[in-house]
């Protein structure tokens, strides 16, 4: 079955950086659009960034992280990354990776079929 495993979260001071990884198995990784979402306490799960599958292009990011976060993927290693720079306390959340059954990206959590267990990112002020 499909498994998504995130890693790389942790505690960092404001202004610092972290890189999240998501390793996928049990799926045609290069054909799937992938996304990063985050959920802070008491808030709904929110779109962070997405990346399209092979034969398509696009790496949209949420306005709140534009210029600070970069999404990428290594299809040879079935791995997706989220490079997070200039972190702010408001970036504190559980970060989830997700996979669609489509090559086309989406901002809607409901359009993603598979989810990882999440990794905690805490940014101290």
PDB file of N, CA and C in Angstrom:
ATOM      1  N   UNK A   1       0.839  -1.192   0.000  1.00  0.00           N
ATOM      2  CA  UNK A   1       0.000   0.000   0.000  1.00  0.00           C
ATOM      3  C   UNK A   1       0.880   1.250   0.000  1.00  0.00           C
ATOM      4  N   UNK A   2       0.237   2.369  -0.265  1.00  0.00           N
ATOM      5  CA  UNK A   2       0.965   3.634  -0.330  1.00  0.00           C
ATOM      6  C   UNK A   2       1.357   4.065   1.081  1.00  0.00           C
ATOM      7  N   UNK A   3       2.617   4.462   1.194  1.00  0.00           N
ATOM      8  CA  UNK A   3       3.096   5.023   2.457  1.00  0.00           C
ATOM      9  C   UNK A   3       3.865   6.295   2.179  1.00  0.00           C
ATOM     10  N   UNK A   4       3.617   7.301   2.994  1.00  0.00           N
ATOM     11  CA  UNK A   4       4.344   8.565   2.941  1.00  0.00           C
ATOM     12  C   UNK A   4       4.916   8.805   4.327  1.00  0.00           C
ATOM     13  N   UNK A   5       6.212   9.023   4.388  1.00  0.00           N
ATOM     14  CA  UNK A   5       6.871   9.205   5.678  1.00  0.00           C
ATOM     15  C   UNK A   5       7.639  10.513   5.669  1.00  0.00           C
ATOM     16  N   UNK A   6       7.218  11.435   6.535  1.00  0.00           N
ATOM     17  CA  UNK A   6       7.882  12.726   6.639  1.00  0.00           C
ATOM     18  C   UNK A   6       8.985  12.669   7.691  1.00  0.00           C
ATOM     19  N   UNK A   7       9.966  13.529   7.517  1.00  0.00           N
ATOM     20  CA  UNK A   7      11.014  13.694   8.516  1.00  0.00           C
ATOM     21  C   UNK A   7      11.600  15.090   8.365  1.00  0.00           C
ATOM     22  N   UNK A   8      12.389  15.493   9.356  1.00  0.00           N
ATOM     23  CA  UNK A   8      13.083  16.766   9.264  1.00  0.00           C
ATOM     24  C   UNK A   8      12.517  17.875  10.129  1.00  0.00           C
ATOM     25  N   UNK A   9      11.395  17.624  10.781  1.00  0.00           N
ATOM     26  CA  UNK A   9      10.838  18.650  11.651  1.00  0.00           C
ATOM     27  C   UNK A   9      11.679  18.829  12.902  1.00  0.00           C
ATOM     28  N   UNK A  10      11.331  19.850  13.685  1.00  0.00           N
ATOM     29  CA  UNK A  10      12.064  20.087  14.911  1.00  0.00           C
ATOM     30  C   UNK A  10      11.807  21.472  15.448  1.00  0.00           C
ATOM     31  N   UNK A  11      12.632  21.850  16.412  1.00  0.00           N
ATOM     32  CA  UNK A  11      12.546  23.165  17.045  1.00  0.00           C
ATOM     33  C   UNK A  11      13.652  24.054  16.483  1.00  0.00           C
ATOM     34  N   UNK A  12      13.283  25.248  16.046  1.00  0.00           N
ATOM     35  CA  UNK A  12      14.253  26.170  15.475  1.00  0.00           C
ATOM     36  C   UNK A  12      13.890  27.588  15.907  1.00  0.00           C
ATOM     37  N   UNK A  13      14.889  28.434  15.994  1.00  0.00           N
ATOM     38  CA  UNK A  13      14.640  29.834  16.324  1.00  0.00           C
ATOM     39  C   UNK A  13      14.140  30.595  15.107  1.00  0.00           C
ATOM     40  N   UNK A  14      13.417  31.646  15.364  1.00  0.00           N
ATOM     41  CA  UNK A  14      12.944  32.499  14.274  1.00  0.00           C
ATOM     42  C   UNK A  14      14.132  32.958  13.435  1.00  0.00           C
ATOM     43  N   UNK A  15      13.938  32.927  12.135  1.00  0.00           N
ATOM     44  CA  UNK A  15      15.006  33.269  11.207  1.00  0.00           C
ATOM     45  C   UNK A  15      15.813  32.082  10.734  1.00  0.00           C
ATOM     46  N   UNK A  16      15.613  30.943  11.374  1.00  0.00           N
ATOM     47  CA  UNK A  16      16.350  29.742  11.019  1.00  0.00           C
ATOM     48  C   UNK A  16      15.743  28.996   9.846  1.00  0.00           C
ATOM     49  N   UNK A  17      16.325  27.833   9.565  1.00  0.00           N
ATOM     50  CA  UNK A  17      15.915  27.029   8.412  1.00  0.00           C
ATOM     51  C   UNK A  17      15.733  25.569   8.801  1.00  0.00           C
ATOM     52  N   UNK A  18      14.874  24.915   8.078  1.00  0.00           N
ATOM     53  CA  UNK A  18      14.687  23.475   8.194  1.00  0.00           C
ATOM     54  C   UNK A  18      14.374  22.929   6.807  1.00  0.00           C
ATOM     55  N   UNK A  19      14.725  21.676   6.593  1.00  0.00           N
ATOM     56  CA  UNK A  19      14.330  20.995   5.361  1.00  0.00           C
ATOM     57  C   UNK A  19      13.542  19.744   5.721  1.00  0.00           C
ATOM     58  N   UNK A  20      12.313  19.696   5.258  1.00  0.00           N
ATOM     59  CA  UNK A  20      11.467  18.517   5.463  1.00  0.00           C
ATOM     60  C   UNK A  20      11.628  17.576   4.276  1.00  0.00           C
ATOM     61  N   UNK A  21      11.543  16.285   4.550  1.00  0.00           N
ATOM     62  CA  UNK A  21      11.576  15.267   3.508  1.00  0.00           C
ATOM     63  C   UNK A  21      10.338  14.392   3.618  1.00  0.00           C
ATOM     64  N   UNK A  22       9.924  13.871   2.486  1.00  0.00           N
ATOM     65  CA  UNK A  22       8.795  12.947   2.444  1.00  0.00           C
ATOM     66  C   UNK A  22       9.178  11.816   1.494  1.00  0.00           C
ATOM     67  N   UNK A  23       9.307  10.622   2.034  1.00  0.00           N
ATOM     68  CA  UNK A  23       9.657   9.456   1.231  1.00  0.00           C
ATOM     69  C   UNK A  23       8.392   8.664   0.943  1.00  0.00           C
ATOM     70  N   UNK A  24       8.169   8.372  -0.330  1.00  0.00           N
ATOM     71  CA  UNK A  24       6.971   7.658  -0.746  1.00  0.00           C
ATOM     72  C   UNK A  24       7.303   6.230  -1.161  1.00  0.00           C
ATOM     73  N   UNK A  25       6.370   5.330  -0.918  1.00  0.00           N
ATOM     74  CA  UNK A  25       6.510   3.959  -1.377  1.00  0.00           C
ATOM     75  C   UNK A  25       5.130   3.427  -1.752  1.00  0.00           C
ATOM     76  N   UNK A  26       5.138   2.382  -2.598  1.00  0.00           N
ATOM     77  CA  UNK A  26       3.880   1.748  -2.976  1.00  0.00           C
ATOM     78  C   UNK A  26       3.075   2.506  -4.007  1.00  0.00           C
ATOM     79  N   UNK A  27       3.712   3.424  -4.730  1.00  0.00           N
ATOM     80  CA  UNK A  27       2.996   4.244  -5.704  1.00  0.00           C
ATOM     81  C   UNK A  27       3.946   4.636  -6.834  1.00  0.00           C
ATOM     82  N   UNK A  28       3.342   5.058  -7.949  1.00  0.00           N
ATOM     83  CA  UNK A  28       4.126   5.579  -9.069  1.00  0.00           C
ATOM     84  C   UNK A  28       4.459   7.030  -8.748  1.00  0.00           C
ATOM     85  N   UNK A  29       5.516   7.223  -7.987  1.00  0.00           N
ATOM     86  CA  UNK A  29       5.817   8.537  -7.416  1.00  0.00           C
ATOM     87  C   UNK A  29       5.959   9.603  -8.484  1.00  0.00           C
ATOM     88  N   UNK A  30       6.673   9.308  -9.566  1.00  0.00           N
ATOM     89  CA  UNK A  30       6.968  10.369 -10.540  1.00  0.00           C
ATOM     90  C   UNK A  30       5.713  10.849 -11.268  1.00  0.00           C
ATOM     91  N   UNK A  31       4.645  10.068 -11.229  1.00  0.00           N
ATOM     92  CA  UNK A  31       3.411  10.463 -11.908  1.00  0.00           C
ATOM     93  C   UNK A  31       2.447  11.213 -10.997  1.00  0.00           C
ATOM     94  N   UNK A  32       2.750  11.300  -9.742  1.00  0.00           N
ATOM     95  CA  UNK A  32       1.811  11.881  -8.783  1.00  0.00           C
ATOM     96  C   UNK A  32       2.160  13.323  -8.457  1.00  0.00           C
ATOM     97  N   UNK A  33       1.168  14.182  -8.477  1.00  0.00           N
ATOM     98  CA  UNK A  33       1.346  15.511  -7.903  1.00  0.00           C
ATOM     99  C   UNK A  33       1.422  15.347  -6.393  1.00  0.00           C
ATOM    100  N   UNK A  34       2.305  16.104  -5.792  1.00  0.00           N
ATOM    101  CA  UNK A  34       2.531  16.008  -4.348  1.00  0.00           C
ATOM    102  C   UNK A  34       2.324  17.372  -3.714  1.00  0.00           C
ATOM    103  N   UNK A  35       2.004  17.354  -2.429  1.00  0.00           N
ATOM    104  CA  UNK A  35       1.793  18.622  -1.748  1.00  0.00           C
ATOM    105  C   UNK A  35       2.264  18.595  -0.313  1.00  0.00           C
ATOM    106  N   UNK A  36       2.546  19.777   0.200  1.00  0.00           N
ATOM    107  CA  UNK A  36       2.807  19.978   1.623  1.00  0.00           C
ATOM    108  C   UNK A  36       1.665  20.809   2.198  1.00  0.00           C
ATOM    109  N   UNK A  37       1.180  20.383   3.339  1.00  0.00           N
ATOM    110  CA  UNK A  37       0.147  21.105   4.070  1.00  0.00           C
ATOM    111  C   UNK A  37       0.594  21.257   5.515  1.00  0.00           C
ATOM    112  N   UNK A  38      -0.032  22.158   6.227  1.00  0.00           N
ATOM    113  CA  UNK A  38       0.295  22.307   7.639  1.00  0.00           C
ATOM    114  C   UNK A  38      -0.963  22.593   8.440  1.00  0.00           C
ATOM    115  N   UNK A  39      -0.911  22.195   9.694  1.00  0.00           N
ATOM    116  CA  UNK A  39      -2.043  22.406  10.568  1.00  0.00           C
ATOM    117  C   UNK A  39      -1.547  22.859  11.933  1.00  0.00           C
ATOM    118  N   UNK A  40      -1.926  24.083  12.283  1.00  0.00           N
ATOM    119  CA  UNK A  40      -1.604  24.640  13.591  1.00  0.00           C
ATOM    120  C   UNK A  40      -2.729  24.295  14.563  1.00  0.00           C
ATOM    121  N   UNK A  41      -2.456  24.315  15.859  1.00  0.00           N
ATOM    122  CA  UNK A  41      -3.493  23.981  16.848  1.00  0.00           C
ATOM    123  C   UNK A  41      -4.715  24.868  16.693  1.00  0.00           C
ATOM    124  N   UNK A  42      -5.890  24.247  16.627  1.00  0.00           N
ATOM    125  CA  UNK A  42      -7.126  24.991  16.528  1.00  0.00           C
ATOM    126  C   UNK A  42      -7.447  25.524  15.152  1.00  0.00           C
ATOM    127  N   UNK A  43      -6.621  25.188  14.166  1.00  0.00           N
ATOM    128  CA  UNK A  43      -6.840  25.690  12.809  1.00  0.00           C
ATOM    129  C   UNK A  43      -7.028  24.533  11.848  1.00  0.00           C
ATOM    130  N   UNK A  44      -7.597  24.856  10.685  1.00  0.00           N
ATOM    131  CA  UNK A  44      -7.780  23.850   9.652  1.00  0.00           C
ATOM    132  C   UNK A  44      -6.451  23.578   8.940  1.00  0.00           C
ATOM    133  N   UNK A  45      -6.398  22.425   8.321  1.00  0.00           N
ATOM    134  CA  UNK A  45      -5.217  22.086   7.533  1.00  0.00           C
ATOM    135  C   UNK A  45      -5.123  23.032   6.337  1.00  0.00           C
ATOM    136  N   UNK A  46      -3.943  23.590   6.126  1.00  0.00           N
ATOM    137  CA  UNK A  46      -3.777  24.631   5.106  1.00  0.00           C
ATOM    138  C   UNK A  46      -2.717  24.246   4.084  1.00  0.00           C
ATOM    139  N   UNK A  47      -2.951  24.644   2.858  1.00  0.00           N
ATOM    140  CA  UNK A  47      -2.006  24.426   1.766  1.00  0.00           C
ATOM    141  C   UNK A  47      -0.722  25.217   1.993  1.00  0.00           C
ATOM    142  N   UNK A  48       0.405  24.572   1.742  1.00  0.00           N
ATOM    143  CA  UNK A  48       1.702  25.242   1.809  1.00  0.00           C
ATOM    144  C   UNK A  48       2.337  25.317   0.423  1.00  0.00           C
ATOM    145  N   UNK A  49       2.471  24.162  -0.231  1.00  0.00           N
ATOM    146  CA  UNK A  49       3.118  24.120  -1.541  1.00  0.00           C
ATOM    147  C   UNK A  49       2.762  22.821  -2.236  1.00  0.00           C
ATOM    148  N   UNK A  50       2.897  22.824  -3.558  1.00  0.00           N
ATOM    149  CA  UNK A  50       2.620  21.621  -4.333  1.00  0.00           C
ATOM    150  C   UNK A  50       3.597  21.531  -5.492  1.00  0.00           C
ATOM    151  N   UNK A  51       3.715  20.335  -6.030  1.00  0.00           N
ATOM    152  CA  UNK A  51       4.599  20.122  -7.168  1.00  0.00           C
ATOM    153  C   UNK A  51       3.953  19.082  -8.059  1.00  0.00           C
ATOM    154  N   UNK A  52       4.005  19.333  -9.358  1.00  0.00           N
ATOM    155  CA  UNK A  52       3.303  18.457 -10.285  1.00  0.00           C
ATOM    156  C   UNK A  52       4.086  17.180 -10.562  1.00  0.00           C
ATOM    157  N   UNK A  53       3.387  16.228 -11.171  1.00  0.00           N
ATOM    158  CA  UNK A  53       4.020  14.992 -11.593  1.00  0.00           C
ATOM    159  C   UNK A  53       4.736  15.174 -12.917  1.00  0.00           C
ATOM    160  N   UNK A  54       5.342  14.103 -13.374  1.00  0.00           N
ATOM    161  CA  UNK A  54       6.120  14.136 -14.605  1.00  0.00           C
ATOM    162  C   UNK A  54       5.248  14.572 -15.780  1.00  0.00           C
ATOM    163  N   UNK A  55       5.836  15.175 -16.769  1.00  0.00           N
ATOM    164  CA  UNK A  55       5.194  15.669 -17.993  1.00  0.00           C
ATOM    165  C   UNK A  55       4.404  16.946 -17.762  1.00  0.00           C
ATOM    166  N   UNK A  56       4.381  17.436 -16.553  1.00  0.00           N
ATOM    167  CA  UNK A  56       3.726  18.709 -16.272  1.00  0.00           C
ATOM    168  C   UNK A  56       4.691  19.563 -15.473  1.00  0.00           C
ATOM    169  N   UNK A  57       4.323  20.801 -15.230  1.00  0.00           N
ATOM    170  CA  UNK A  57       5.212  21.676 -14.477  1.00  0.00           C
ATOM    171  C   UNK A  57       4.396  22.600 -13.590  1.00  0.00           C
ATOM    172  N   UNK A  58       5.016  23.023 -12.519  1.00  0.00           N
ATOM    173  CA  UNK A  58       4.342  23.943 -11.610  1.00  0.00           C
ATOM    174  C   UNK A  58       4.724  23.646 -10.180  1.00  0.00           C
ATOM    175  N   UNK A  59       5.070  24.690  -9.451  1.00  0.00           N
ATOM    176  CA  UNK A  59       5.405  24.562  -8.030  1.00  0.00           C
ATOM    177  C   UNK A  59       4.774  25.727  -7.276  1.00  0.00           C
ATOM    178  N   UNK A  60       3.464  25.742  -7.184  1.00  0.00           N
ATOM    179  CA  UNK A  60       2.814  26.845  -6.481  1.00  0.00           C
ATOM    180  C   UNK A  60       3.065  26.775  -4.980  1.00  0.00           C
ATOM    181  N   UNK A  61       3.128  27.939  -4.369  1.00  0.00           N
ATOM    182  CA  UNK A  61       3.270  28.007  -2.919  1.00  0.00           C
ATOM    183  C   UNK A  61       2.249  28.999  -2.371  1.00  0.00           C
ATOM    184  N   UNK A  62       1.901  28.837  -1.114  1.00  0.00           N
ATOM    185  CA  UNK A  62       0.978  29.765  -0.463  1.00  0.00           C
ATOM    186  C   UNK A  62       1.628  31.138  -0.327  1.00  0.00           C
ATOM    187  N   UNK A  63       0.810  32.164  -0.375  1.00  0.00           N
ATOM    188  CA  UNK A  63       1.338  33.535  -0.261  1.00  0.00           C
ATOM    189  C   UNK A  63       2.099  33.728   1.045  1.00  0.00           C
ATOM    190  N   UNK A  64       1.676  33.061   2.087  1.00  0.00           N
ATOM    191  CA  UNK A  64       2.290  33.256   3.394  1.00  0.00           C
ATOM    192  C   UNK A  64       3.721  32.744   3.466  1.00  0.00           C
ATOM    193  N   UNK A  65       4.116  31.885   2.532  1.00  0.00           N
ATOM    194  CA  UNK A  65       5.471  31.324   2.561  1.00  0.00           C
ATOM    195  C   UNK A  65       6.254  31.663   1.297  1.00  0.00           C
ATOM    196  N   UNK A  66       5.656  32.412   0.407  1.00  0.00           N
ATOM    197  CA  UNK A  66       6.312  32.740  -0.858  1.00  0.00           C
ATOM    198  C   UNK A  66       7.612  33.491  -0.607  1.00  0.00           C
ATOM    199  N   UNK A  67       8.658  33.048  -1.297  1.00  0.00           N
ATOM    200  CA  UNK A  67       9.964  33.673  -1.119  1.00  0.00           C
ATOM    201  C   UNK A  67      10.771  33.085   0.028  1.00  0.00           C
ATOM    202  N   UNK A  68      10.136  32.254   0.840  1.00  0.00           N
ATOM    203  CA  UNK A  68      10.843  31.649   1.995  1.00  0.00           C
ATOM    204  C   UNK A  68      10.905  30.126   1.885  1.00  0.00           C
ATOM    205  N   UNK A  69       9.875  29.506   1.339  1.00  0.00           N
ATOM    206  CA  UNK A  69       9.807  28.051   1.233  1.00  0.00           C
ATOM    207  C   UNK A  69       9.956  27.633  -0.226  1.00  0.00           C
ATOM    208  N   UNK A  70      10.636  26.514  -0.437  1.00  0.00           N
ATOM    209  CA  UNK A  70      10.817  25.963  -1.787  1.00  0.00           C
ATOM    210  C   UNK A  70      10.513  24.472  -1.762  1.00  0.00           C
ATOM    211  N   UNK A  71       9.666  24.059  -2.682  1.00  0.00           N
ATOM    212  CA  UNK A  71       9.332  22.644  -2.797  1.00  0.00           C
ATOM    213  C   UNK A  71      10.107  22.041  -3.962  1.00  0.00           C
ATOM    214  N   UNK A  72      10.527  20.793  -3.789  1.00  0.00           N
ATOM    215  CA  UNK A  72      11.235  20.104  -4.862  1.00  0.00           C
ATOM    216  C   UNK A  72      11.020  18.602  -4.706  1.00  0.00           C
ATOM    217  N   UNK A  73      11.431  17.857  -5.703  1.00  0.00           N
ATOM    218  CA  UNK A  73      11.288  16.405  -5.629  1.00  0.00           C
ATOM    219  C   UNK A  73      12.451  15.737  -6.353  1.00  0.00           C
ATOM    220  N   UNK A  74      12.785  14.529  -5.903  1.00  0.00           N
ATOM    221  CA  UNK A  74      13.795  13.699  -6.534  1.00  0.00           C
ATOM    222  C   UNK A  74      13.093  12.400  -6.900  1.00  0.00           C
ATOM    223  N   UNK A  75      12.681  12.287  -8.152  1.00  0.00           N
ATOM    224  CA  UNK A  75      11.898  11.125  -8.557  1.00  0.00           C
ATOM    225  C   UNK A  75      12.706   9.827  -8.489  1.00  0.00           C
ATOM    226  N   UNK A  76      14.020   9.924  -8.649  1.00  0.00           N
ATOM    227  CA  UNK A  76      14.868   8.734  -8.570  1.00  0.00           C
ATOM    228  C   UNK A  76      14.873   8.145  -7.155  1.00  0.00           C
ATOM    229  N   UNK A  77      14.617   9.017  -6.163  1.00  0.00           N
ATOM    230  CA  UNK A  77      14.630   8.582  -4.766  1.00  0.00           C
ATOM    231  C   UNK A  77      13.247   8.575  -4.134  1.00  0.00           C
ATOM    232  N   UNK A  78      12.219   8.784  -4.965  1.00  0.00           N
ATOM    233  CA  UNK A  78      10.838   8.805  -4.447  1.00  0.00           C
ATOM    234  C   UNK A  78      10.692   9.738  -3.250  1.00  0.00           C
ATOM    235  N   UNK A  79      11.310  10.880  -3.341  1.00  0.00           N
ATOM    236  CA  UNK A  79      11.368  11.799  -2.206  1.00  0.00           C
ATOM    237  C   UNK A  79      10.990  13.213  -2.623  1.00  0.00           C
ATOM    238  N   UNK A  80      10.222  13.861  -1.766  1.00  0.00           N
ATOM    239  CA  UNK A  80       9.865  15.260  -1.941  1.00  0.00           C
ATOM    240  C   UNK A  80      10.457  16.048  -0.782  1.00  0.00           C
ATOM    241  N   UNK A  81      10.792  17.301  -1.039  1.00  0.00           N
ATOM    242  CA  UNK A  81      11.426  18.134  -0.030  1.00  0.00           C
ATOM    243  C   UNK A  81      10.660  19.449   0.131  1.00  0.00           C
ATOM    244  N   UNK A  82      10.810  20.037   1.304  1.00  0.00           N
ATOM    245  CA  UNK A  82      10.348  21.402   1.538  1.00  0.00           C
ATOM    246  C   UNK A  82      11.461  22.132   2.273  1.00  0.00           C
ATOM    247  N   UNK A  83      12.143  23.011   1.539  1.00  0.00           N
ATOM    248  CA  UNK A  83      13.182  23.831   2.146  1.00  0.00           C
ATOM    249  C   UNK A  83      12.504  25.053   2.733  1.00  0.00           C
ATOM    250  N   UNK A  84      12.673  25.252   4.026  1.00  0.00           N
ATOM    251  CA  UNK A  84      12.015  26.354   4.727  1.00  0.00           C
ATOM    252  C   UNK A  84      13.083  27.281   5.299  1.00  0.00           C
ATOM    253  N   UNK A  85      13.097  28.501   4.807  1.00  0.00           N
ATOM    254  CA  UNK A  85      14.061  29.504   5.263  1.00  0.00           C
ATOM    255  C   UNK A  85      13.336  30.652   5.948  1.00  0.00           C
ATOM    256  N   UNK A  86      14.090  31.428   6.695  1.00  0.00           N
ATOM    257  CA  UNK A  86      13.555  32.600   7.391  1.00  0.00           C
ATOM    258  C   UNK A  86      12.263  32.244   8.124  1.00  0.00           C
ATOM    259  N   UNK A  87      12.338  31.210   8.918  1.00  0.00           N
ATOM    260  CA  UNK A  87      11.141  30.725   9.599  1.00  0.00           C
ATOM    261  C   UNK A  87      10.641  31.737  10.616  1.00  0.00           C
ATOM    262  N   UNK A  88       9.318  31.766  10.765  1.00  0.00           N
ATOM    263  CA  UNK A  88       8.655  32.678  11.682  1.00  0.00           C
ATOM    264  C   UNK A  88       7.839  31.873  12.703  1.00  0.00           C
ATOM    265  N   UNK A  89       7.559  32.439  13.866  1.00  0.00           N
ATOM    266  CA  UNK A  89       6.741  31.703  14.851  1.00  0.00           C
ATOM    267  C   UNK A  89       5.401  31.243  14.273  1.00  0.00           C
ATOM    268  N   UNK A  90       4.845  32.021  13.366  1.00  0.00           N
ATOM    269  CA  UNK A  90       3.554  31.639  12.774  1.00  0.00           C
ATOM    270  C   UNK A  90       3.666  30.457  11.820  1.00  0.00           C
ATOM    271  N   UNK A  91       4.871  29.995  11.541  1.00  0.00           N
ATOM    272  CA  UNK A  91       5.055  28.778  10.740  1.00  0.00           C
ATOM    273  C   UNK A  91       4.938  27.519  11.600  1.00  0.00           C
ATOM    274  N   UNK A  92       4.823  27.693  12.904  1.00  0.00           N
ATOM    275  CA  UNK A  92       4.701  26.552  13.809  1.00  0.00           C
ATOM    276  C   UNK A  92       3.439  25.760  13.493  1.00  0.00           C
ATOM    277  N   UNK A  93       3.604  24.462  13.252  1.00  0.00           N
ATOM    278  CA  UNK A  93       2.482  23.603  12.873  1.00  0.00           C
ATOM    279  C   UNK A  93       2.991  22.176  12.694  1.00  0.00           C
ATOM    280  N   UNK A  94       2.057  21.271  12.534  1.00  0.00           N
ATOM    281  CA  UNK A  94       2.396  19.931  12.053  1.00  0.00           C
ATOM    282  C   UNK A  94       2.341  19.990  10.532  1.00  0.00           C
ATOM    283  N   UNK A  95       3.408  19.549   9.907  1.00  0.00           N
ATOM    284  CA  UNK A  95       3.505  19.577   8.446  1.00  0.00           C
ATOM    285  C   UNK A  95       3.266  18.173   7.899  1.00  0.00           C
ATOM    286  N   UNK A  96       2.396  18.112   6.889  1.00  0.00           N
ATOM    287  CA  UNK A  96       2.027  16.842   6.278  1.00  0.00           C
ATOM    288  C   UNK A  96       2.394  16.840   4.800  1.00  0.00           C
ATOM    289  N   UNK A  97       2.863  15.712   4.317  1.00  0.00           N
ATOM    290  CA  UNK A  97       2.982  15.550   2.879  1.00  0.00           C
ATOM    291  C   UNK A  97       1.800  14.725   2.384  1.00  0.00           C
ATOM    292  N   UNK A  98       1.440  14.938   1.140  1.00  0.00           N
ATOM    293  CA  UNK A  98       0.273  14.286   0.579  1.00  0.00           C
ATOM    294  C   UNK A  98       0.502  13.999  -0.896  1.00  0.00           C
ATOM    295  N   UNK A  99      -0.176  12.968  -1.387  1.00  0.00           N
ATOM    296  CA  UNK A  99      -0.050  12.569  -2.786  1.00  0.00           C
ATOM    297  C   UNK A  99      -1.413  12.504  -3.438  1.00  0.00           C
ATOM    298  N   UNK A 100      -1.470  12.971  -4.698  1.00  0.00           N
ATOM    299  CA  UNK A 100      -2.713  12.899  -5.470  1.00  0.00           C
ATOM    300  C   UNK A 100      -2.647  11.725  -6.438  1.00  0.00           C
ATOM    301  N   UNK A 101      -3.814  11.297  -6.894  1.00  0.00           N
ATOM    302  CA  UNK A 101      -3.882  10.302  -7.945  1.00  0.00           C
ATOM    303  C   UNK A 101      -3.926  10.970  -9.298  1.00  0.00           C
ATOM    304  N   UNK A 102      -3.170  12.035  -9.460  1.00  0.00           N
ATOM    305  CA  UNK A 102      -3.175  12.850 -10.671  1.00  0.00           C
ATOM    306  C   UNK A 102      -1.829  13.541 -10.771  1.00  0.00           C
ATOM    307  N   UNK A 103      -1.457  13.943 -12.003  1.00  0.00           N
ATOM    308  CA  UNK A 103      -0.213  14.692 -12.184  1.00  0.00           C
ATOM    309  C   UNK A 103      -0.398  16.180 -11.907  1.00  0.00           C
ATOM    310  N   UNK A 104      -1.638  16.622 -11.794  1.00  0.00           N
ATOM    311  CA  UNK A 104      -1.950  18.038 -11.674  1.00  0.00           C
ATOM    312  C   UNK A 104      -2.036  18.438 -10.213  1.00  0.00           C
ATOM    313  N   UNK A 105      -1.422  19.583  -9.875  1.00  0.00           N
ATOM    314  CA  UNK A 105      -1.422  20.013  -8.492  1.00  0.00           C
ATOM    315  C   UNK A 105      -2.769  20.573  -8.080  1.00  0.00           C
ATOM    316  N   UNK A 106      -2.969  20.644  -6.763  1.00  0.00           N
ATOM    317  CA  UNK A 106      -4.196  21.202  -6.210  1.00  0.00           C
ATOM    318  C   UNK A 106      -3.894  21.805  -4.848  1.00  0.00           C
ATOM    319  N   UNK A 107      -4.658  22.836  -4.487  1.00  0.00           N
ATOM    320  CA  UNK A 107      -4.546  23.446  -3.163  1.00  0.00           C
ATOM    321  C   UNK A 107      -5.490  22.805  -2.156  1.00  0.00           C
ATOM    322  N   UNK A 108      -6.407  21.986  -2.634  1.00  0.00           N
ATOM    323  CA  UNK A 108      -7.458  21.449  -1.769  1.00  0.00           C
ATOM    324  C   UNK A 108      -7.020  20.164  -1.090  1.00  0.00           C
ATOM    325  N   UNK A 109      -6.988  20.131   0.236  1.00  0.00           N
ATOM    326  CA  UNK A 109      -6.615  18.891   0.933  1.00  0.00           C
ATOM    327  C   UNK A 109      -7.487  17.705   0.538  1.00  0.00           C
ATOM    328  N   UNK A 110      -8.761  17.961   0.270  1.00  0.00           N
ATOM    329  CA  UNK A 110      -9.687  16.874  -0.045  1.00  0.00           C
ATOM    330  C   UNK A 110      -9.357  16.178  -1.359  1.00  0.00           C
ATOM    331  N   UNK A 111      -8.539  16.802  -2.181  1.00  0.00           N
ATOM    332  CA  UNK A 111      -8.192  16.208  -3.478  1.00  0.00           C
ATOM    333  C   UNK A 111      -6.971  15.302  -3.400  1.00  0.00           C
ATOM    334  N   UNK A 112      -6.379  15.180  -2.231  1.00  0.00           N
ATOM    335  CA  UNK A 112      -5.216  14.312  -2.042  1.00  0.00           C
ATOM    336  C   UNK A 112      -5.663  12.995  -1.413  1.00  0.00           C
ATOM    337  N   UNK A 113      -5.208  11.897  -2.007  1.00  0.00           N
ATOM    338  CA  UNK A 113      -5.687  10.580  -1.588  1.00  0.00           C
ATOM    339  C   UNK A 113      -4.866   9.983  -0.449  1.00  0.00           C
ATOM    340  N   UNK A 114      -3.605  10.362  -0.383  1.00  0.00           N
ATOM    341  CA  UNK A 114      -2.707   9.727   0.584  1.00  0.00           C
ATOM    342  C   UNK A 114      -1.993  10.790   1.405  1.00  0.00           C
ATOM    343  N   UNK A 115      -1.794  10.470   2.696  1.00  0.00           N
ATOM    344  CA  UNK A 115      -1.196  11.418   3.634  1.00  0.00           C
ATOM    345  C   UNK A 115      -0.155  10.732   4.502  1.00  0.00           C
ATOM    346  N   UNK A 116       0.864  11.496   4.865  1.00  0.00           N
ATOM    347  CA  UNK A 116       1.818  11.030   5.843  1.00  0.00           C
ATOM    348  C   UNK A 116       1.303  11.278   7.248  1.00  0.00           C
ATOM    349  N   UNK A 117       2.109  10.905   8.223  1.00  0.00           N
ATOM    350  CA  UNK A 117       1.687  11.017   9.616  1.00  0.00           C
ATOM    351  C   UNK A 117       1.954  12.412  10.183  1.00  0.00           C
ATOM    352  N   UNK A 118       2.741  13.199   9.485  1.00  0.00           N
ATOM    353  CA  UNK A 118       3.031  14.558   9.921  1.00  0.00           C
ATOM    354  C   UNK A 118       4.325  14.658  10.708  1.00  0.00           C
ATOM    355  N   UNK A 119       4.932  15.834  10.637  1.00  0.00           N
ATOM    356  CA  UNK A 119       6.136  16.122  11.409  1.00  0.00           C
ATOM    357  C   UNK A 119       5.990  17.515  12.017  1.00  0.00           C
ATOM    358  N   UNK A 120       6.335  17.635  13.283  1.00  0.00           N
ATOM    359  CA  UNK A 120       6.134  18.899  14.012  1.00  0.00           C
ATOM    360  C   UNK A 120       7.265  19.878  13.709  1.00  0.00           C
ATOM    361  N   UNK A 121       6.879  21.084  13.381  1.00  0.00           N
ATOM    362  CA  UNK A 121       7.820  22.195  13.232  1.00  0.00           C
ATOM    363  C   UNK A 121       7.434  23.256  14.245  1.00  0.00           C
ATOM    364  N   UNK A 122       8.384  23.617  15.099  1.00  0.00           N
ATOM    365  CA  UNK A 122       8.145  24.639  16.109  1.00  0.00           C
ATOM    366  C   UNK A 122       9.192  25.725  15.956  1.00  0.00           C
ATOM    367  N   UNK A 123       8.725  26.956  15.788  1.00  0.00           N
ATOM    368  CA  UNK A 123       9.613  28.094  15.615  1.00  0.00           C
ATOM    369  C   UNK A 123       9.467  29.003  16.827  1.00  0.00           C
ATOM    370  N   UNK A 124      10.551  29.177  17.549  1.00  0.00           N
ATOM    371  CA  UNK A 124      10.515  30.007  18.747  1.00  0.00           C
ATOM    372  C   UNK A 124      10.909  31.436  18.414  1.00  0.00           C
ATOM    373  N   UNK A 125      10.336  32.366  19.160  1.00  0.00           N
ATOM    374  CA  UNK A 125      10.617  33.792  18.896  1.00  0.00           C
ATOM    375  C   UNK A 125      11.802  34.283  19.701  1.00  0.00           C
TER     376      UNK A 125
END
